[in-house]
Amino acid sequence: MNGPRDFDRRTALKFLAGGIALPLAGCGKPAEEIVPYVDMPEGLLPGEPMKFATTLALGGYGRGALVSTIDGRPIKVEGNPRHPASLGATDVFAEADILSLYDPDRSQAPRHRDDVATWDAFALALRGEMQRATARQGAGLALLTERVTSPTLRRQIGDLLKQYPQARWYVHEPVSDDFAVRGSTMAFGRPLSALPRIADAALIVAIDADFLGAGPRQIADARAFAQRRQRAVAPFLRLYAVEPDWSLTGANADHRLALHPGLLRNLALAIAAHLQGESPPDLPEGAAQLAKAAAADLEANHGRAIVMVGERQPPELHALAHW
């Protein structure tokens, strides 16, 4: 065997090639059977991609998408240029939705505590629970879902609640606009969702509102903001951002103020007080100056200004923003 000094580049490459070839030699065709279609779906060509228009839900709102599939398996998500919420683009959530359509690592069987169970065992256990719920007219039965946008699923849940009138249906989203909806109810007497026309605005005042950040309207709002900034239309779109932490909206703001969360309410009240010609509440000097300047800009751009409040702010603040 040669010594370390004789271990030249050619010898190293020889060993490298041998190391690569060894595992490849053990590779063969996978142990699976490929079965042809009995009835070929119309328009399907094996191995050729097909696109389907669909809707992907985020936070209870649908965004149009085009999903490419090969032999029935989704492989790529793109935005639908004809849908107002996507406009042909996607975000990280839309791209990741491919895993909700097909994920080889998804659990293949139900589990009971720490053990792998069978679907028959699950059906047997569920049947017993439903029989007991029937005797109580559903009392003690709770259904927990995210926001449901599917008409079919909503109809099925409605049928279930008719069968079990004492059951309860709970809806939860990790990040929701419940406060915003309650704020619109306070302001207008009915639940509404704001659709800001950013492309037509001359001024935006964002109070803990990251409208350029992640959310159901991120694609549409970010595109409208970019197009409005690029258009040579006077006046220039001015953006005020007041926030307790960094955000994409704050990074793009003309005037950004970092403010303690407990003072956001006072800042909104100060802007309203200036608009009413009243004395504003106490604020730190920088916040007081920004509130005065923002109120003056709102007056100067009446009808072309937007006031936004973040989803985590209380309903009263959303109602004030609508005012």
C-alpha atoms as a PDB file:
ATOM      1  CA  MET A   1       0.000   0.000   0.000  1.00  0.00           C
ATOM      2  CA  ASN A   2       1.335   3.415  -0.894  1.00  0.00           C
ATOM      3  CA  GLY A   3       2.137   5.923   1.783  1.00  0.00           C
ATOM      4  CA  PRO A   4       0.264   9.172   2.340  1.00  0.00           C
ATOM      5  CA  ARG A   5       2.666  11.082   0.068  1.00  0.00           C
ATOM      6  CA  ASP A   6       1.811   8.784  -2.886  1.00  0.00           C
ATOM      7  CA  PHE A   7      -1.968   9.334  -2.506  1.00  0.00           C
ATOM      8  CA  ASP A   8      -2.288  11.668  -5.493  1.00  0.00           C
ATOM      9  CA  ARG A   9      -5.288  13.311  -7.143  1.00  0.00           C
ATOM     10  CA  ARG A  10      -5.818  10.468  -9.621  1.00  0.00           C
ATOM     11  CA  THR A  11      -6.030   7.891  -6.822  1.00  0.00           C
ATOM     12  CA  ALA A  12      -8.489  10.066  -4.899  1.00  0.00           C
ATOM     13  CA  LEU A  13     -10.750  10.389  -7.948  1.00  0.00           C
ATOM     14  CA  LYS A  14     -10.582   6.625  -8.468  1.00  0.00           C
ATOM     15  CA  PHE A  15     -11.804   5.983  -4.931  1.00  0.00           C
ATOM     16  CA  LEU A  16     -14.479   8.682  -5.328  1.00  0.00           C
ATOM     17  CA  ALA A  17     -15.805   7.083  -8.517  1.00  0.00           C
ATOM     18  CA  GLY A  18     -15.838   3.685  -6.869  1.00  0.00           C
ATOM     19  CA  GLY A  19     -17.748   5.055  -3.863  1.00  0.00           C
ATOM     20  CA  ILE A  20     -20.387   6.548  -6.132  1.00  0.00           C
ATOM     21  CA  ALA A  21     -20.723   3.460  -8.286  1.00  0.00           C
ATOM     22  CA  LEU A  22     -21.125   1.089  -5.308  1.00  0.00           C
ATOM     23  CA  PRO A  23     -24.467   2.385  -4.001  1.00  0.00           C
ATOM     24  CA  LEU A  24     -25.741   2.896  -7.561  1.00  0.00           C
ATOM     25  CA  ALA A  25     -25.030  -0.740  -8.317  1.00  0.00           C
ATOM     26  CA  GLY A  26     -27.440  -1.719  -5.564  1.00  0.00           C
ATOM     27  CA  CYS A  27     -30.214   0.477  -6.961  1.00  0.00           C
ATOM     28  CA  GLY A  28     -32.859  -1.102  -9.134  1.00  0.00           C
ATOM     29  CA  LYS A  29     -36.440  -0.647 -10.130  1.00  0.00           C
ATOM     30  CA  PRO A  30     -38.752   0.004  -7.186  1.00  0.00           C
ATOM     31  CA  ALA A  31     -40.815  -2.941  -6.009  1.00  0.00           C
ATOM     32  CA  GLU A  32     -44.164  -1.597  -7.193  1.00  0.00           C
ATOM     33  CA  GLU A  33     -46.665  -2.479  -9.853  1.00  0.00           C
ATOM     34  CA  ILE A  34     -47.770   0.085 -12.424  1.00  0.00           C
ATOM     35  CA  VAL A  35     -51.381  -0.548 -13.372  1.00  0.00           C
ATOM     36  CA  PRO A  36     -52.835   1.162 -16.458  1.00  0.00           C
ATOM     37  CA  TYR A  37     -56.157   2.978 -16.386  1.00  0.00           C
ATOM     38  CA  VAL A  38     -59.212   0.824 -17.039  1.00  0.00           C
ATOM     39  CA  ASP A  39     -61.141   3.904 -18.150  1.00  0.00           C
ATOM     40  CA  MET A  40     -58.792   6.702 -19.182  1.00  0.00           C
ATOM     41  CA  PRO A  41     -60.037  10.106 -17.884  1.00  0.00           C
ATOM     42  CA  GLU A  42     -61.004  12.429 -20.698  1.00  0.00           C
ATOM     43  CA  GLY A  43     -58.188  14.718 -21.808  1.00  0.00           C
ATOM     44  CA  LEU A  44     -55.522  12.915 -19.779  1.00  0.00           C
ATOM     45  CA  LEU A  45     -52.239  11.971 -21.404  1.00  0.00           C
ATOM     46  CA  PRO A  46     -49.902   9.932 -19.159  1.00  0.00           C
ATOM     47  CA  GLY A  47     -46.863  11.995 -18.194  1.00  0.00           C
ATOM     48  CA  GLU A  48     -48.305  15.232 -19.591  1.00  0.00           C
ATOM     49  CA  PRO A  49     -49.092  18.051 -17.110  1.00  0.00           C
ATOM     50  CA  MET A  50     -52.623  19.406 -16.766  1.00  0.00           C
ATOM     51  CA  LYS A  51     -53.743  22.616 -15.052  1.00  0.00           C
ATOM     52  CA  PHE A  52     -56.859  23.062 -12.949  1.00  0.00           C
ATOM     53  CA  ALA A  53     -58.329  26.295 -11.628  1.00  0.00           C
ATOM     54  CA  THR A  54     -59.084  26.074  -7.916  1.00  0.00           C
ATOM     55  CA  THR A  55     -59.268  28.144  -4.747  1.00  0.00           C
ATOM     56  CA  LEU A  56     -56.864  27.920  -1.796  1.00  0.00           C
ATOM     57  CA  ALA A  57     -58.159  29.097   1.565  1.00  0.00           C
ATOM     58  CA  LEU A  58     -56.094  31.187   3.990  1.00  0.00           C
ATOM     59  CA  GLY A  59     -57.623  32.551   7.179  1.00  0.00           C
ATOM     60  CA  GLY A  60     -61.105  31.815   5.830  1.00  0.00           C
ATOM     61  CA  TYR A  61     -60.629  33.670   2.542  1.00  0.00           C
ATOM     62  CA  GLY A  62     -60.190  32.045  -0.863  1.00  0.00           C
ATOM     63  CA  ARG A  63     -57.423  32.908  -3.318  1.00  0.00           C
ATOM     64  CA  GLY A  64     -57.553  31.757  -6.915  1.00  0.00           C
ATOM     65  CA  ALA A  65     -54.837  29.399  -8.053  1.00  0.00           C
ATOM     66  CA  LEU A  66     -53.831  27.235 -10.993  1.00  0.00           C
ATOM     67  CA  VAL A  67     -52.550  23.814  -9.929  1.00  0.00           C
ATOM     68  CA  SER A  68     -50.453  21.736 -12.329  1.00  0.00           C
ATOM     69  CA  THR A  69     -50.864  17.980 -12.037  1.00  0.00           C
ATOM     70  CA  ILE A  70     -49.262  14.956 -13.655  1.00  0.00           C
ATOM     71  CA  ASP A  71     -51.341  11.774 -13.688  1.00  0.00           C
ATOM     72  CA  GLY A  72     -53.590  13.217 -11.015  1.00  0.00           C
ATOM     73  CA  ARG A  73     -50.767  14.257  -8.669  1.00  0.00           C
ATOM     74  CA  PRO A  74     -50.402  18.002  -7.972  1.00  0.00           C
ATOM     75  CA  ILE A  75     -46.850  19.235  -8.469  1.00  0.00           C
ATOM     76  CA  LYS A  76     -47.015  23.057  -8.722  1.00  0.00           C
ATOM     77  CA  VAL A  77     -49.200  25.921  -7.497  1.00  0.00           C
ATOM     78  CA  GLU A  78     -49.419  29.201  -9.390  1.00  0.00           C
ATOM     79  CA  GLY A  79     -51.618  32.239  -9.011  1.00  0.00           C
ATOM     80  CA  ASN A  80     -54.661  32.660 -11.190  1.00  0.00           C
ATOM     81  CA  PRO A  81     -54.268  35.922 -13.153  1.00  0.00           C
ATOM     82  CA  ARG A  82     -58.060  36.212 -13.412  1.00  0.00           C
ATOM     83  CA  HIS A  83     -58.640  36.063  -9.646  1.00  0.00           C
ATOM     84  CA  PRO A  84     -58.571  39.435  -7.810  1.00  0.00           C
ATOM     85  CA  ALA A  85     -56.909  38.003  -4.691  1.00  0.00           C
ATOM     86  CA  SER A  86     -53.935  36.397  -6.464  1.00  0.00           C
ATOM     87  CA  LEU A  87     -53.576  38.254  -9.790  1.00  0.00           C
ATOM     88  CA  GLY A  88     -51.312  35.538 -11.145  1.00  0.00           C
ATOM     89  CA  ALA A  89     -48.910  35.530  -8.173  1.00  0.00           C
ATOM     90  CA  THR A  90     -48.414  33.369  -5.097  1.00  0.00           C
ATOM     91  CA  ASP A  91     -46.974  33.751  -1.617  1.00  0.00           C
ATOM     92  CA  VAL A  92     -45.246  31.299   0.707  1.00  0.00           C
ATOM     93  CA  PHE A  93     -48.573  29.928   1.954  1.00  0.00           C
ATOM     94  CA  ALA A  94     -49.880  29.200  -1.538  1.00  0.00           C
ATOM     95  CA  GLU A  95     -46.610  27.494  -2.479  1.00  0.00           C
ATOM     96  CA  ALA A  96     -46.723  25.380   0.682  1.00  0.00           C
ATOM     97  CA  ASP A  97     -50.323  24.331   0.002  1.00  0.00           C
ATOM     98  CA  ILE A  98     -48.970  21.684  -2.342  1.00  0.00           C
ATOM     99  CA  LEU A  99     -48.212  19.656   0.799  1.00  0.00           C
ATOM    100  CA  SER A 100     -51.874  19.819   1.815  1.00  0.00           C
ATOM    101  CA  LEU A 101     -52.770  18.249  -1.532  1.00  0.00           C
ATOM    102  CA  TYR A 102     -50.039  15.619  -1.616  1.00  0.00           C
ATOM    103  CA  ASP A 103     -47.522  14.869   1.116  1.00  0.00           C
ATOM    104  CA  PRO A 104     -45.775  11.467   1.148  1.00  0.00           C
ATOM    105  CA  ASP A 105     -44.852  12.000   4.808  1.00  0.00           C
ATOM    106  CA  ARG A 106     -48.471  12.449   5.888  1.00  0.00           C
ATOM    107  CA  SER A 107     -49.699   9.942   8.439  1.00  0.00           C
ATOM    108  CA  GLN A 108     -51.086   6.887   6.667  1.00  0.00           C
ATOM    109  CA  ALA A 109     -53.151   5.500   9.541  1.00  0.00           C
ATOM    110  CA  PRO A 110     -55.175   6.767  12.522  1.00  0.00           C
ATOM    111  CA  ARG A 111     -53.574   6.732  15.943  1.00  0.00           C
ATOM    112  CA  HIS A 112     -54.959   5.952  19.371  1.00  0.00           C
ATOM    113  CA  ARG A 113     -52.795   7.705  21.926  1.00  0.00           C
ATOM    114  CA  ASP A 114     -49.273   6.502  21.066  1.00  0.00           C
ATOM    115  CA  ASP A 115     -50.307   3.412  19.105  1.00  0.00           C
ATOM    116  CA  VAL A 116     -51.054   2.982  15.421  1.00  0.00           C
ATOM    117  CA  ALA A 117     -54.687   1.940  14.951  1.00  0.00           C
ATOM    118  CA  THR A 118     -56.857   0.886  12.026  1.00  0.00           C
ATOM    119  CA  TRP A 119     -59.717   2.673  10.279  1.00  0.00           C
ATOM    120  CA  ASP A 120     -62.062  -0.103  11.359  1.00  0.00           C
ATOM    121  CA  ALA A 121     -61.112   0.492  14.993  1.00  0.00           C
ATOM    122  CA  PHE A 122     -61.658   4.231  14.536  1.00  0.00           C
ATOM    123  CA  ALA A 123     -65.102   3.663  12.952  1.00  0.00           C
ATOM    124  CA  LEU A 124     -66.087   1.307  15.787  1.00  0.00           C
ATOM    125  CA  ALA A 125     -65.049   3.777  18.482  1.00  0.00           C
ATOM    126  CA  LEU A 126     -66.758   6.672  16.692  1.00  0.00           C
ATOM    127  CA  ARG A 127     -69.979   4.697  16.258  1.00  0.00           C
ATOM    128  CA  GLY A 128     -70.187   4.081  19.982  1.00  0.00           C
ATOM    129  CA  GLU A 129     -69.626   7.766  20.796  1.00  0.00           C
ATOM    130  CA  MET A 130     -72.228   8.884  18.261  1.00  0.00           C
ATOM    131  CA  GLN A 131     -74.805   6.463  19.680  1.00  0.00           C
ATOM    132  CA  ARG A 132     -74.312   7.971  23.130  1.00  0.00           C
ATOM    133  CA  ALA A 133     -74.542  11.480  21.634  1.00  0.00           C
ATOM    134  CA  THR A 134     -77.819  10.554  19.910  1.00  0.00           C
ATOM    135  CA  ALA A 135     -79.369   9.635  23.240  1.00  0.00           C
ATOM    136  CA  ARG A 136     -78.420  13.104  24.574  1.00  0.00           C
ATOM    137  CA  GLN A 137     -79.441  14.939  21.346  1.00  0.00           C
ATOM    138  CA  GLY A 138     -75.798  15.882  20.908  1.00  0.00           C
ATOM    139  CA  ALA A 139     -75.253  17.385  24.366  1.00  0.00           C
ATOM    140  CA  GLY A 140     -71.540  17.279  25.090  1.00  0.00           C
ATOM    141  CA  LEU A 141     -70.637  16.870  21.420  1.00  0.00           C
ATOM    142  CA  ALA A 142     -68.339  19.619  20.115  1.00  0.00           C
ATOM    143  CA  LEU A 143     -67.073  20.148  16.590  1.00  0.00           C
ATOM    144  CA  LEU A 144     -63.887  22.199  16.175  1.00  0.00           C
ATOM    145  CA  THR A 145     -62.915  23.432  12.720  1.00  0.00           C
ATOM    146  CA  GLU A 146     -61.084  26.246  11.031  1.00  0.00           C
ATOM    147  CA  ARG A 147     -63.121  28.721   8.987  1.00  0.00           C
ATOM    148  CA  VAL A 148     -65.080  26.762   6.434  1.00  0.00           C
ATOM    149  CA  THR A 149     -65.275  28.168   2.916  1.00  0.00           C
ATOM    150  CA  SER A 150     -66.600  25.025   1.214  1.00  0.00           C
ATOM    151  CA  PRO A 151     -70.386  25.144   0.598  1.00  0.00           C
ATOM    152  CA  THR A 152     -70.486  21.339   0.624  1.00  0.00           C
ATOM    153  CA  LEU A 153     -68.769  21.071   4.013  1.00  0.00           C
ATOM    154  CA  ARG A 154     -70.980  23.823   5.464  1.00  0.00           C
ATOM    155  CA  ARG A 155     -74.062  21.905   4.303  1.00  0.00           C
ATOM    156  CA  GLN A 156     -72.743  18.692   5.870  1.00  0.00           C
ATOM    157  CA  ILE A 157     -72.046  20.447   9.172  1.00  0.00           C
ATOM    158  CA  GLY A 158     -75.558  21.949   9.044  1.00  0.00           C
ATOM    159  CA  ASP A 159     -77.049  18.482   8.595  1.00  0.00           C
ATOM    160  CA  LEU A 160     -75.007  17.207  11.541  1.00  0.00           C
ATOM    161  CA  LEU A 161     -76.248  20.013  13.796  1.00  0.00           C
ATOM    162  CA  LYS A 162     -79.846  19.302  12.779  1.00  0.00           C
ATOM    163  CA  GLN A 163     -79.379  15.692  13.789  1.00  0.00           C
ATOM    164  CA  TYR A 164     -77.719  16.713  17.080  1.00  0.00           C
ATOM    165  CA  PRO A 165     -79.415  20.004  18.094  1.00  0.00           C
ATOM    166  CA  GLN A 166     -77.571  20.229  21.422  1.00  0.00           C
ATOM    167  CA  ALA A 167     -74.131  19.939  19.800  1.00  0.00           C
ATOM    168  CA  ARG A 168     -71.859  22.956  19.476  1.00  0.00           C
ATOM    169  CA  TRP A 169     -69.714  24.059  16.536  1.00  0.00           C
ATOM    170  CA  TYR A 170     -66.576  26.064  17.340  1.00  0.00           C
ATOM    171  CA  VAL A 171     -64.446  27.827  14.731  1.00  0.00           C
ATOM    172  CA  HIS A 172     -60.851  28.850  15.416  1.00  0.00           C
ATOM    173  CA  GLU A 173     -58.121  30.426  13.300  1.00  0.00           C
ATOM    174  CA  PRO A 174     -54.592  30.948  14.674  1.00  0.00           C
ATOM    175  CA  VAL A 175     -54.608  34.438  13.139  1.00  0.00           C
ATOM    176  CA  SER A 176     -58.068  35.834  12.446  1.00  0.00           C
ATOM    177  CA  ASP A 177     -59.805  39.125  11.716  1.00  0.00           C
ATOM    178  CA  ASP A 178     -62.506  38.649  14.374  1.00  0.00           C
ATOM    179  CA  PHE A 179     -61.695  42.005  16.013  1.00  0.00           C
ATOM    180  CA  ALA A 180     -61.865  43.767  12.645  1.00  0.00           C
ATOM    181  CA  VAL A 181     -65.270  42.237  11.879  1.00  0.00           C
ATOM    182  CA  ARG A 182     -66.598  43.196  15.310  1.00  0.00           C
ATOM    183  CA  GLY A 183     -65.264  46.713  14.759  1.00  0.00           C
ATOM    184  CA  SER A 184     -67.120  47.015  11.454  1.00  0.00           C
ATOM    185  CA  THR A 185     -70.268  45.798  13.196  1.00  0.00           C
ATOM    186  CA  MET A 186     -69.881  48.574  15.777  1.00  0.00           C
ATOM    187  CA  ALA A 187     -69.387  51.148  13.021  1.00  0.00           C
ATOM    188  CA  PHE A 188     -71.957  50.029  10.449  1.00  0.00           C
ATOM    189  CA  GLY A 189     -74.349  47.726  12.313  1.00  0.00           C
ATOM    190  CA  ARG A 190     -73.369  44.598  10.371  1.00  0.00           C
ATOM    191  CA  PRO A 191     -70.210  42.528   9.878  1.00  0.00           C
ATOM    192  CA  LEU A 192     -68.157  43.753   6.933  1.00  0.00           C
ATOM    193  CA  SER A 193     -64.658  43.217   5.574  1.00  0.00           C
ATOM    194  CA  ALA A 194     -62.717  46.282   4.458  1.00  0.00           C
ATOM    195  CA  LEU A 195     -61.322  46.231   0.919  1.00  0.00           C
ATOM    196  CA  PRO A 196     -58.954  49.215   0.767  1.00  0.00           C
ATOM    197  CA  ARG A 197     -58.383  50.695  -2.712  1.00  0.00           C
ATOM    198  CA  ILE A 198     -54.665  51.217  -2.293  1.00  0.00           C
ATOM    199  CA  ALA A 199     -54.139  51.901  -6.006  1.00  0.00           C
ATOM    200  CA  ASP A 200     -56.311  55.045  -5.698  1.00  0.00           C
ATOM    201  CA  ALA A 201     -54.938  56.308  -2.378  1.00  0.00           C
ATOM    202  CA  ALA A 202     -52.736  59.321  -1.777  1.00  0.00           C
ATOM    203  CA  LEU A 203     -52.205  58.621   1.933  1.00  0.00           C
ATOM    204  CA  ILE A 204     -52.175  55.549   4.180  1.00  0.00           C
ATOM    205  CA  VAL A 205     -52.002  55.647   7.974  1.00  0.00           C
ATOM    206  CA  ALA A 206     -51.251  52.129   9.287  1.00  0.00           C
ATOM    207  CA  ILE A 207     -51.589  51.618  13.035  1.00  0.00           C
ATOM    208  CA  ASP A 208     -50.076  48.206  13.803  1.00  0.00           C
ATOM    209  CA  ALA A 209     -51.412  47.154  10.381  1.00  0.00           C
ATOM    210  CA  ASP A 210     -48.970  45.134   8.296  1.00  0.00           C
ATOM    211  CA  PHE A 211     -50.990  45.114   5.077  1.00  0.00           C
ATOM    212  CA  LEU A 212     -47.841  44.288   3.077  1.00  0.00           C
ATOM    213  CA  GLY A 213     -47.113  41.322   5.343  1.00  0.00           C
ATOM    214  CA  ALA A 214     -48.497  37.803   5.459  1.00  0.00           C
ATOM    215  CA  GLY A 215     -52.241  37.417   5.133  1.00  0.00           C
ATOM    216  CA  PRO A 216     -55.079  36.612   2.726  1.00  0.00           C
ATOM    217  CA  ARG A 217     -54.762  40.000   0.959  1.00  0.00           C
ATOM    218  CA  GLN A 218     -50.968  40.245   0.887  1.00  0.00           C
ATOM    219  CA  ILE A 219     -50.602  39.530  -2.839  1.00  0.00           C
ATOM    220  CA  ALA A 220     -53.285  41.992  -3.960  1.00  0.00           C
ATOM    221  CA  ASP A 221     -52.321  44.743  -1.503  1.00  0.00           C
ATOM    222  CA  ALA A 222     -48.577  44.476  -2.169  1.00  0.00           C
ATOM    223  CA  ARG A 223     -49.109  44.642  -5.932  1.00  0.00           C
ATOM    224  CA  ALA A 224     -51.475  47.617  -5.625  1.00  0.00           C
ATOM    225  CA  PHE A 225     -48.992  49.434  -3.364  1.00  0.00           C
ATOM    226  CA  ALA A 226     -46.066  48.797  -5.722  1.00  0.00           C
ATOM    227  CA  GLN A 227     -48.017  49.870  -8.804  1.00  0.00           C
ATOM    228  CA  ARG A 228     -49.249  53.037  -7.068  1.00  0.00           C
ATOM    229  CA  ARG A 229     -45.706  53.958  -6.046  1.00  0.00           C
ATOM    230  CA  GLN A 230     -44.408  53.322  -9.577  1.00  0.00           C
ATOM    231  CA  ARG A 231     -47.071  55.408 -11.271  1.00  0.00           C
ATOM    232  CA  ALA A 232     -46.082  58.991 -11.931  1.00  0.00           C
ATOM    233  CA  VAL A 233     -49.372  60.261 -10.521  1.00  0.00           C
ATOM    234  CA  ALA A 234     -49.533  63.221  -8.182  1.00  0.00           C
ATOM    235  CA  PRO A 235     -49.737  63.325  -5.275  1.00  0.00           C
ATOM    236  CA  PHE A 236     -47.154  60.734  -4.245  1.00  0.00           C
ATOM    237  CA  LEU A 237     -48.550  57.964  -2.038  1.00  0.00           C
ATOM    238  CA  ARG A 238     -47.373  58.735   1.507  1.00  0.00           C
ATOM    239  CA  LEU A 239     -47.310  55.977   4.128  1.00  0.00           C
ATOM    240  CA  TYR A 240     -47.315  56.453   7.910  1.00  0.00           C
ATOM    241  CA  ALA A 241     -46.640  53.298   9.944  1.00  0.00           C
ATOM    242  CA  VAL A 242     -46.931  53.112  13.722  1.00  0.00           C
ATOM    243  CA  GLU A 243     -46.085  49.699  15.126  1.00  0.00           C
ATOM    244  CA  PRO A 244     -44.671  47.980  18.213  1.00  0.00           C
ATOM    245  CA  ASP A 245     -42.358  45.719  16.162  1.00  0.00           C
ATOM    246  CA  TRP A 246     -40.789  45.548  12.718  1.00  0.00           C
ATOM    247  CA  SER A 247     -42.935  44.672   9.709  1.00  0.00           C
ATOM    248  CA  LEU A 248     -42.766  44.815   5.913  1.00  0.00           C
ATOM    249  CA  THR A 249     -45.154  47.757   5.977  1.00  0.00           C
ATOM    250  CA  GLY A 250     -42.930  49.641   8.396  1.00  0.00           C
ATOM    251  CA  ALA A 251     -39.890  48.921   6.255  1.00  0.00           C
ATOM    252  CA  ASN A 252     -41.623  50.595   3.285  1.00  0.00           C
ATOM    253  CA  ALA A 253     -43.053  53.526   5.238  1.00  0.00           C
ATOM    254  CA  ASP A 254     -42.120  57.160   4.616  1.00  0.00           C
ATOM    255  CA  HIS A 255     -42.674  57.877   8.314  1.00  0.00           C
ATOM    256  CA  ARG A 256     -42.296  55.010  10.793  1.00  0.00           C
ATOM    257  CA  LEU A 257     -42.704  55.218  14.545  1.00  0.00           C
ATOM    258  CA  ALA A 258     -41.939  52.416  16.992  1.00  0.00           C
ATOM    259  CA  LEU A 259     -44.469  52.736  19.805  1.00  0.00           C
ATOM    260  CA  HIS A 260     -45.321  50.706  22.893  1.00  0.00           C
ATOM    261  CA  PRO A 261     -48.455  48.556  22.313  1.00  0.00           C
ATOM    262  CA  GLY A 262     -50.212  50.246  25.221  1.00  0.00           C
ATOM    263  CA  LEU A 263     -49.909  53.659  23.526  1.00  0.00           C
ATOM    264  CA  LEU A 264     -51.364  52.713  20.125  1.00  0.00           C
ATOM    265  CA  ARG A 265     -54.880  53.473  21.374  1.00  0.00           C
ATOM    266  CA  ASN A 266     -53.861  56.947  22.544  1.00  0.00           C
ATOM    267  CA  LEU A 267     -52.195  57.679  19.209  1.00  0.00           C
ATOM    268  CA  ALA A 268     -55.370  56.789  17.299  1.00  0.00           C
ATOM    269  CA  LEU A 269     -57.399  58.949  19.693  1.00  0.00           C
ATOM    270  CA  ALA A 270     -54.908  61.796  19.215  1.00  0.00           C
ATOM    271  CA  ILE A 271     -55.368  61.691  15.424  1.00  0.00           C
ATOM    272  CA  ALA A 272     -59.153  61.736  15.884  1.00  0.00           C
ATOM    273  CA  ALA A 273     -58.880  64.630  18.348  1.00  0.00           C
ATOM    274  CA  HIS A 274     -56.855  66.714  15.893  1.00  0.00           C
ATOM    275  CA  LEU A 275     -59.454  66.041  13.198  1.00  0.00           C
ATOM    276  CA  GLN A 276     -62.178  67.205  15.591  1.00  0.00           C
ATOM    277  CA  GLY A 277     -60.225  70.223  16.798  1.00  0.00           C
ATOM    278  CA  GLU A 278     -60.046  68.866  20.339  1.00  0.00           C
ATOM    279  CA  SER A 279     -57.174  68.376  22.793  1.00  0.00           C
ATOM    280  CA  PRO A 280     -55.325  65.096  22.184  1.00  0.00           C
ATOM    281  CA  PRO A 281     -54.413  62.640  24.966  1.00  0.00           C
ATOM    282  CA  ASP A 282     -50.903  62.580  26.384  1.00  0.00           C
ATOM    283  CA  LEU A 283     -48.253  60.972  24.207  1.00  0.00           C
ATOM    284  CA  PRO A 284     -44.451  60.967  24.003  1.00  0.00           C
ATOM    285  CA  GLU A 285     -43.135  63.888  21.976  1.00  0.00           C
ATOM    286  CA  GLY A 286     -42.351  61.895  18.820  1.00  0.00           C
ATOM    287  CA  ALA A 287     -45.756  60.197  18.834  1.00  0.00           C
ATOM    288  CA  ALA A 288     -47.566  63.490  19.433  1.00  0.00           C
ATOM    289  CA  GLN A 289     -45.802  65.100  16.469  1.00  0.00           C
ATOM    290  CA  LEU A 290     -46.604  62.168  14.182  1.00  0.00           C
ATOM    291  CA  ALA A 291     -50.283  62.186  15.221  1.00  0.00           C
ATOM    292  CA  LYS A 292     -50.527  65.894  14.422  1.00  0.00           C
ATOM    293  CA  ALA A 293     -48.803  65.486  11.037  1.00  0.00           C
ATOM    294  CA  ALA A 294     -50.918  62.452  10.107  1.00  0.00           C
ATOM    295  CA  ALA A 295     -54.131  64.300  10.987  1.00  0.00           C
ATOM    296  CA  ALA A 296     -53.084  67.257   8.828  1.00  0.00           C
ATOM    297  CA  ASP A 297     -52.356  64.911   5.910  1.00  0.00           C
ATOM    298  CA  LEU A 298     -55.737  63.211   6.381  1.00  0.00           C
ATOM    299  CA  GLU A 299     -57.447  66.595   6.174  1.00  0.00           C
ATOM    300  CA  ALA A 300     -55.485  67.536   3.064  1.00  0.00           C
ATOM    301  CA  ASN A 301     -56.271  64.234   1.324  1.00  0.00           C
ATOM    302  CA  HIS A 302     -59.918  63.854   2.222  1.00  0.00           C
ATOM    303  CA  GLY A 303     -61.489  61.099   0.097  1.00  0.00           C
ATOM    304  CA  ARG A 304     -58.095  59.722  -0.960  1.00  0.00           C
ATOM    305  CA  ALA A 305     -56.810  58.559   2.426  1.00  0.00           C
ATOM    306  CA  ILE A 306     -56.937  55.177   4.143  1.00  0.00           C
ATOM    307  CA  VAL A 307     -56.650  54.478   7.875  1.00  0.00           C
ATOM    308  CA  MET A 308     -55.819  50.861   8.743  1.00  0.00           C
ATOM    309  CA  VAL A 309     -55.700  49.147  12.122  1.00  0.00           C
ATOM    310  CA  GLY A 310     -54.043  45.785  12.754  1.00  0.00           C
ATOM    311  CA  GLU A 311     -56.045  42.637  13.358  1.00  0.00           C
ATOM    312  CA  ARG A 312     -54.786  42.232  16.920  1.00  0.00           C
ATOM    313  CA  GLN A 313     -56.118  45.643  17.980  1.00  0.00           C
ATOM    314  CA  PRO A 314     -59.474  45.821  19.841  1.00  0.00           C
ATOM    315  CA  PRO A 315     -62.771  46.306  17.947  1.00  0.00           C
ATOM    316  CA  GLU A 316     -63.144  49.868  19.275  1.00  0.00           C
ATOM    317  CA  LEU A 317     -59.986  50.897  17.458  1.00  0.00           C
ATOM    318  CA  HIS A 318     -61.239  49.382  14.204  1.00  0.00           C
ATOM    319  CA  ALA A 319     -64.524  51.280  14.565  1.00  0.00           C
ATOM    320  CA  LEU A 320     -62.573  54.492  15.142  1.00  0.00           C
ATOM    321  CA  ALA A 321     -60.517  53.833  11.985  1.00  0.00           C
ATOM    322  CA  HIS A 322     -63.749  53.467   9.959  1.00  0.00           C
ATOM    323  CA  TRP A 323     -64.890  56.828  11.323  1.00  0.00           C
END
